[in-house]
Amino acid sequence: MSAPLITSLQNQRVKDAAKLRDRRQRDKQRRFLIDGIREIERAIDADVKLCDAFVCPELLATDDARHLYVRLDHEHGDLLLRVTREVFEKLTFGERCDGIIATAQTPHRRLEDLRLPDDALICVLENVEKPGNLGAILRSADAAGISAVITADSRTDLFNPNAVRASLGTIFHVPTAIADADTTLAWLRERKFRIWATRVGSGPVYTEADYRGPTALVLGSEAEGLSARWWSDDIRPLHLPMLGRADSLNVSVAAAVVFYEALRQRSLA
């Protein structure tokens, strides 16, 4: 509890951390923000390397927040920085305020580093642009036992603070990789994955697809869907029935629906 108290908005560590809300700064610093008690706890449990932990003692209003403060002091005391409310508000974003926000080194997430079971079930996300959707998909992937999530040509970075928050910290426990779409497709083909690509009104209904064995589920952006590279004889389309006026579901909802059908089939196998 002897961490120094920072009162100045011009403190360099505060200024550098605040810049991490911008993707260019996250890329430049190779760091990202983790905002939230549960998210920070899960990052620590996953051995994510923390850089700073900013704490505003007067905002630690819950037992969980105070417990995390004690844990950080015990395990990462050299990284702890106490700050005033004014300084903390410069660092945080959104309406939720737990009194602790951390920065961490951005992990490398490469295709070649994935360690997968023989019957892996993978989700590929092409051109996803909303970090909230990316985080929600990761949360569903964690719940449904997806082997890995690959972001291909993503328009939002995997460690966008809003993606981390929307995932509830499951981003630190679901195996992930970042690659361009052409490399991802070649990687899937080399490993002989059965590839199912979600397309509006094309192919069988999602409940009629076979997800057993090594399988990749490919979803595209809500605005544009999947690119033409996912039209091929060895890539099978599937669709979710749309009975109302809307022509598509939110991509995170569509992903969850297909994930759980795959889980149902695999549980019966």
Protein backbone atom coordinates (compact mmCIF):
# COMPACT_ATOMS: atom_id res chain seq x y z
CA MET A 1 0.00 0.00 0.00
CA SER A 2 3.05 2.28 -0.18
CA ALA A 3 2.73 2.98 -3.91
CA PRO A 4 3.48 6.60 -4.86
CA LEU A 5 0.57 9.01 -5.35
CA ILE A 6 0.37 10.72 -8.73
CA THR A 7 -1.48 14.02 -8.73
CA SER A 8 -0.33 15.54 -12.03
CA LEU A 9 -2.05 14.99 -15.36
CA GLN A 10 1.34 15.66 -16.96
CA ASN A 11 2.98 12.61 -15.42
CA GLN A 12 4.63 10.78 -18.32
CA ARG A 13 3.35 7.33 -17.36
CA VAL A 14 -0.17 8.70 -17.15
CA LYS A 15 0.14 10.47 -20.50
CA ASP A 16 1.53 7.37 -22.21
CA ALA A 17 -1.22 5.18 -20.78
CA ALA A 18 -3.98 7.60 -21.80
CA LYS A 19 -2.71 7.49 -25.39
CA LEU A 20 -3.43 3.76 -25.52
CA ARG A 21 -7.05 4.48 -26.36
CA ASP A 22 -5.73 5.13 -29.88
CA ARG A 23 -4.82 2.14 -32.06
CA ARG A 24 -1.75 3.82 -33.50
CA GLN A 25 -0.39 4.30 -30.01
CA ARG A 26 -1.17 0.71 -29.07
CA ASP A 27 0.81 -0.42 -32.10
CA LYS A 28 3.64 2.01 -31.38
CA GLN A 29 3.96 1.22 -27.67
CA ARG A 30 3.12 -2.47 -28.05
CA ARG A 31 0.87 -2.08 -25.05
CA PHE A 32 -2.87 -1.95 -24.38
CA LEU A 33 -5.31 -0.95 -21.63
CA ILE A 34 -7.22 -3.32 -19.37
CA ASP A 35 -10.13 -1.61 -17.64
CA GLY A 36 -12.15 -3.63 -15.15
CA ILE A 37 -11.65 -5.83 -12.11
CA ARG A 38 -12.62 -9.11 -13.74
CA GLU A 39 -10.62 -8.33 -16.86
CA ILE A 40 -7.45 -7.53 -14.92
CA GLU A 41 -7.85 -10.62 -12.74
CA ARG A 42 -8.16 -12.83 -15.83
CA ALA A 43 -5.15 -11.18 -17.45
CA ILE A 44 -3.05 -11.92 -14.37
CA ASP A 45 -4.31 -15.51 -14.25
CA ALA A 46 -3.30 -15.92 -17.91
CA ASP A 47 0.22 -14.60 -17.20
CA VAL A 48 -0.25 -11.49 -19.34
CA LYS A 49 2.69 -9.19 -18.59
CA LEU A 50 1.43 -6.06 -16.82
CA CYS A 51 3.29 -2.77 -17.24
CA ASP A 52 1.43 -0.39 -14.92
CA ALA A 53 -1.50 -0.66 -12.51
CA PHE A 54 -3.15 2.67 -11.72
CA VAL A 55 -5.35 2.68 -8.60
CA CYS A 56 -7.62 5.40 -7.24
CA PRO A 57 -8.21 4.29 -3.62
CA GLU A 58 -11.33 6.40 -3.11
CA LEU A 59 -13.03 4.64 -6.04
CA LEU A 60 -12.45 1.11 -4.72
CA ALA A 61 -16.08 0.65 -3.75
CA THR A 62 -16.43 -3.15 -3.92
CA ASP A 63 -14.85 -6.08 -2.14
CA ASP A 64 -13.64 -7.42 -5.51
CA ALA A 65 -11.86 -4.14 -6.25
CA ARG A 66 -10.20 -4.05 -2.84
CA HIS A 67 -9.18 -7.70 -3.16
CA LEU A 68 -7.55 -6.99 -6.52
CA TYR A 69 -5.71 -4.00 -5.02
CA VAL A 70 -4.26 -6.26 -2.32
CA ARG A 71 -3.35 -8.90 -4.90
CA LEU A 72 -1.60 -6.35 -7.11
CA ASP A 73 0.27 -4.96 -4.13
CA HIS A 74 1.40 -8.47 -3.19
CA GLU A 75 2.25 -9.81 -6.67
CA HIS A 76 3.05 -6.66 -8.67
CA GLY A 77 3.83 -4.03 -6.05
CA ASP A 78 6.53 -2.46 -8.21
CA LEU A 79 3.93 -1.66 -10.89
CA LEU A 80 1.35 -0.06 -8.59
CA LEU A 81 0.69 3.66 -8.92
CA ARG A 82 -1.88 5.41 -6.77
CA VAL A 83 -3.60 8.31 -8.56
CA THR A 84 -6.14 11.00 -7.72
CA ARG A 85 -9.69 10.85 -9.06
CA GLU A 86 -8.84 13.53 -11.64
CA VAL A 87 -5.88 11.57 -12.95
CA PHE A 88 -7.85 8.32 -12.97
CA GLU A 89 -10.62 9.91 -15.06
CA LYS A 90 -8.04 10.78 -17.69
CA LEU A 91 -7.15 7.10 -18.00
CA THR A 92 -10.52 5.41 -17.92
CA PHE A 93 -13.26 5.43 -20.54
CA GLY A 94 -16.98 4.70 -20.60
CA GLU A 95 -19.28 4.83 -17.61
CA ARG A 96 -17.95 1.90 -15.59
CA CYS A 97 -15.39 2.89 -12.99
CA ASP A 98 -13.89 0.18 -10.78
CA GLY A 99 -10.98 2.22 -9.45
CA ILE A 100 -8.23 0.17 -11.12
CA ILE A 101 -6.94 0.26 -14.67
CA ALA A 102 -3.84 -1.51 -15.98
CA THR A 103 -1.58 -1.47 -19.01
CA ALA A 104 -0.01 -4.61 -20.39
CA GLN A 105 2.34 -5.74 -23.12
CA THR A 106 0.52 -6.76 -26.27
CA PRO A 107 1.01 -10.52 -26.70
CA HIS A 108 2.13 -11.93 -30.06
CA ARG A 109 -0.73 -13.80 -31.70
CA ARG A 110 0.51 -15.74 -34.74
CA LEU A 111 -1.04 -18.66 -36.62
CA GLU A 112 2.11 -20.73 -36.21
CA ASP A 113 1.87 -20.42 -32.43
CA LEU A 114 -1.59 -21.98 -32.15
CA ARG A 115 -1.64 -25.36 -30.43
CA LEU A 116 -4.82 -27.13 -31.44
CA PRO A 117 -6.48 -30.51 -30.83
CA ASP A 118 -6.86 -32.90 -33.77
CA ASP A 119 -10.57 -32.12 -34.08
CA ALA A 120 -10.20 -28.35 -33.60
CA LEU A 121 -13.20 -26.08 -34.09
CA ILE A 122 -11.98 -22.65 -35.19
CA CYS A 123 -13.74 -19.35 -35.74
CA VAL A 124 -12.38 -17.02 -38.44
CA LEU A 125 -13.54 -13.40 -38.41
CA GLU A 126 -12.92 -11.41 -41.59
CA ASN A 127 -13.07 -7.60 -41.65
CA VAL A 128 -14.78 -7.28 -38.27
CA GLU A 129 -14.82 -3.58 -37.47
CA LYS A 130 -16.63 -3.17 -34.14
CA PRO A 131 -14.58 -4.03 -31.04
CA GLY A 132 -17.74 -4.73 -29.05
CA ASN A 133 -18.72 -7.46 -31.52
CA LEU A 134 -15.22 -8.92 -31.45
CA GLY A 135 -15.27 -9.06 -27.66
CA ALA A 136 -18.74 -10.61 -27.58
CA ILE A 137 -17.65 -13.31 -30.04
CA LEU A 138 -14.64 -14.14 -27.88
CA ARG A 139 -16.92 -14.44 -24.86
CA SER A 140 -19.19 -16.87 -26.74
CA ALA A 141 -16.18 -18.76 -28.07
CA ASP A 142 -14.92 -19.25 -24.52
CA ALA A 143 -18.33 -20.47 -23.36
CA ALA A 144 -18.87 -22.87 -26.25
CA GLY A 145 -15.39 -24.38 -26.21
CA ILE A 146 -14.13 -22.99 -29.52
CA SER A 147 -10.52 -24.07 -30.03
CA ALA A 148 -9.28 -20.73 -31.41
CA VAL A 149 -10.42 -17.44 -32.91
CA ILE A 150 -8.54 -15.97 -35.87
CA THR A 151 -9.01 -12.34 -36.87
CA ALA A 152 -8.34 -11.97 -40.60
CA ASP A 153 -7.90 -8.50 -42.13
CA SER A 154 -9.59 -7.14 -39.02
CA ARG A 155 -10.53 -3.47 -39.00
CA THR A 156 -10.20 -3.36 -35.23
CA ASP A 157 -7.22 -4.63 -33.30
CA LEU A 158 -7.65 -7.64 -31.07
CA PHE A 159 -6.63 -5.74 -27.95
CA ASN A 160 -8.82 -2.69 -28.42
CA PRO A 161 -9.88 -1.74 -24.85
CA ASN A 162 -13.55 -2.12 -25.77
CA ALA A 163 -12.92 -5.59 -27.18
CA VAL A 164 -11.15 -6.59 -23.96
CA ARG A 165 -14.04 -5.26 -21.91
CA ALA A 166 -16.76 -6.83 -24.08
CA SER A 167 -14.99 -10.18 -23.79
CA LEU A 168 -15.07 -9.93 -19.98
CA GLY A 169 -11.41 -10.89 -20.04
CA THR A 170 -11.98 -14.19 -21.88
CA ILE A 171 -9.69 -12.77 -24.58
CA PHE A 172 -6.82 -13.82 -22.34
CA HIS A 173 -7.92 -17.45 -22.24
CA VAL A 174 -9.25 -18.17 -25.75
CA PRO A 175 -6.38 -19.02 -28.15
CA THR A 176 -6.25 -16.29 -30.80
CA ALA A 177 -4.25 -15.38 -33.88
CA ILE A 178 -3.99 -12.38 -36.18
CA ALA A 179 -3.33 -12.79 -39.90
CA ASP A 180 -4.39 -11.56 -43.31
CA ALA A 181 -7.27 -13.42 -44.95
CA ASP A 182 -5.25 -15.04 -47.76
CA THR A 183 -2.70 -16.45 -45.31
CA THR A 184 -5.51 -17.69 -43.06
CA LEU A 185 -7.26 -19.49 -45.92
CA ALA A 186 -4.01 -21.13 -47.05
CA TRP A 187 -3.32 -22.20 -43.45
CA LEU A 188 -6.76 -23.80 -43.16
CA ARG A 189 -6.39 -25.64 -46.46
CA GLU A 190 -2.92 -26.92 -45.59
CA ARG A 191 -4.35 -28.43 -42.40
CA LYS A 192 -7.36 -29.85 -44.23
CA PHE A 193 -10.04 -28.06 -42.26
CA ARG A 194 -13.62 -28.37 -43.38
CA ILE A 195 -14.58 -24.75 -43.99
CA TRP A 196 -18.10 -23.41 -43.49
CA ALA A 197 -18.71 -19.80 -44.55
CA THR A 198 -21.83 -17.97 -43.34
CA ARG A 199 -23.73 -16.34 -46.20
CA VAL A 200 -27.21 -14.83 -46.31
CA GLY A 201 -29.63 -17.26 -48.00
CA SER A 202 -26.90 -19.56 -49.36
CA GLY A 203 -26.20 -23.21 -48.62
CA PRO A 204 -27.90 -25.38 -46.01
CA VAL A 205 -29.43 -24.06 -42.80
CA TYR A 206 -26.81 -23.98 -40.04
CA THR A 207 -28.43 -26.94 -38.24
CA GLU A 208 -27.86 -29.15 -41.29
CA ALA A 209 -24.12 -28.50 -41.52
CA ASP A 210 -21.68 -31.06 -40.12
CA TYR A 211 -19.24 -29.52 -37.62
CA ARG A 212 -17.53 -32.71 -36.48
CA GLY A 213 -13.82 -33.15 -37.08
CA PRO A 214 -11.43 -30.26 -37.82
CA THR A 215 -13.77 -27.43 -38.79
CA ALA A 216 -13.51 -23.69 -39.44
CA LEU A 217 -16.50 -21.37 -39.13
CA VAL A 218 -16.00 -18.17 -41.12
CA LEU A 219 -17.99 -14.99 -40.48
CA GLY A 220 -17.68 -11.59 -42.11
CA SER A 221 -18.52 -8.01 -41.28
CA GLU A 222 -22.15 -7.01 -40.90
CA ALA A 223 -21.87 -4.30 -43.55
CA GLU A 224 -20.14 -6.28 -46.29
CA GLY A 225 -20.23 -9.95 -45.33
CA LEU A 226 -17.41 -12.17 -46.55
CA SER A 227 -15.06 -11.33 -49.39
CA ALA A 228 -15.02 -13.24 -52.68
CA ARG A 229 -12.04 -15.38 -51.55
CA TRP A 230 -14.47 -17.43 -49.46
CA TRP A 231 -16.37 -18.54 -52.58
CA SER A 232 -14.72 -21.79 -53.66
CA ASP A 233 -15.56 -25.43 -54.30
CA ASP A 234 -13.84 -26.46 -51.06
CA ILE A 235 -15.64 -23.84 -48.96
CA ARG A 236 -19.22 -24.68 -48.04
CA PRO A 237 -21.79 -21.92 -47.43
CA LEU A 238 -24.39 -22.06 -44.69
CA HIS A 239 -27.04 -19.65 -43.51
CA LEU A 240 -29.26 -18.79 -40.57
CA PRO A 241 -32.96 -18.49 -41.45
CA MET A 242 -34.33 -14.94 -41.30
CA LEU A 243 -38.11 -14.95 -40.92
CA GLY A 244 -38.68 -11.25 -40.27
CA ARG A 245 -37.83 -8.05 -42.10
CA ALA A 246 -34.17 -7.97 -41.06
CA ASP A 247 -31.87 -9.66 -43.57
CA SER A 248 -29.08 -10.53 -41.13
CA LEU A 249 -28.20 -10.91 -37.46
CA ASN A 250 -25.54 -9.06 -35.53
CA VAL A 251 -22.34 -10.99 -36.26
CA SER A 252 -21.78 -11.77 -32.57
CA VAL A 253 -25.29 -13.23 -32.29
CA ALA A 254 -24.83 -15.28 -35.46
CA ALA A 255 -21.53 -16.60 -34.16
CA ALA A 256 -23.05 -17.67 -30.85
CA VAL A 257 -25.91 -19.50 -32.60
CA VAL A 258 -23.55 -21.49 -34.82
CA PHE A 259 -21.08 -22.13 -31.98
CA TYR A 260 -23.73 -23.79 -29.87
CA GLU A 261 -25.05 -25.91 -32.71
CA ALA A 262 -21.49 -27.13 -33.27
CA LEU A 263 -21.16 -27.83 -29.54
CA ARG A 264 -24.45 -29.77 -29.57
CA GLN A 265 -23.32 -31.94 -32.49
CA ARG A 266 -19.89 -32.59 -31.02
CA SER A 267 -21.36 -33.46 -27.63
CA LEU A 268 -23.45 -36.16 -29.30
CA ALA A 269 -20.57 -37.58 -31.36
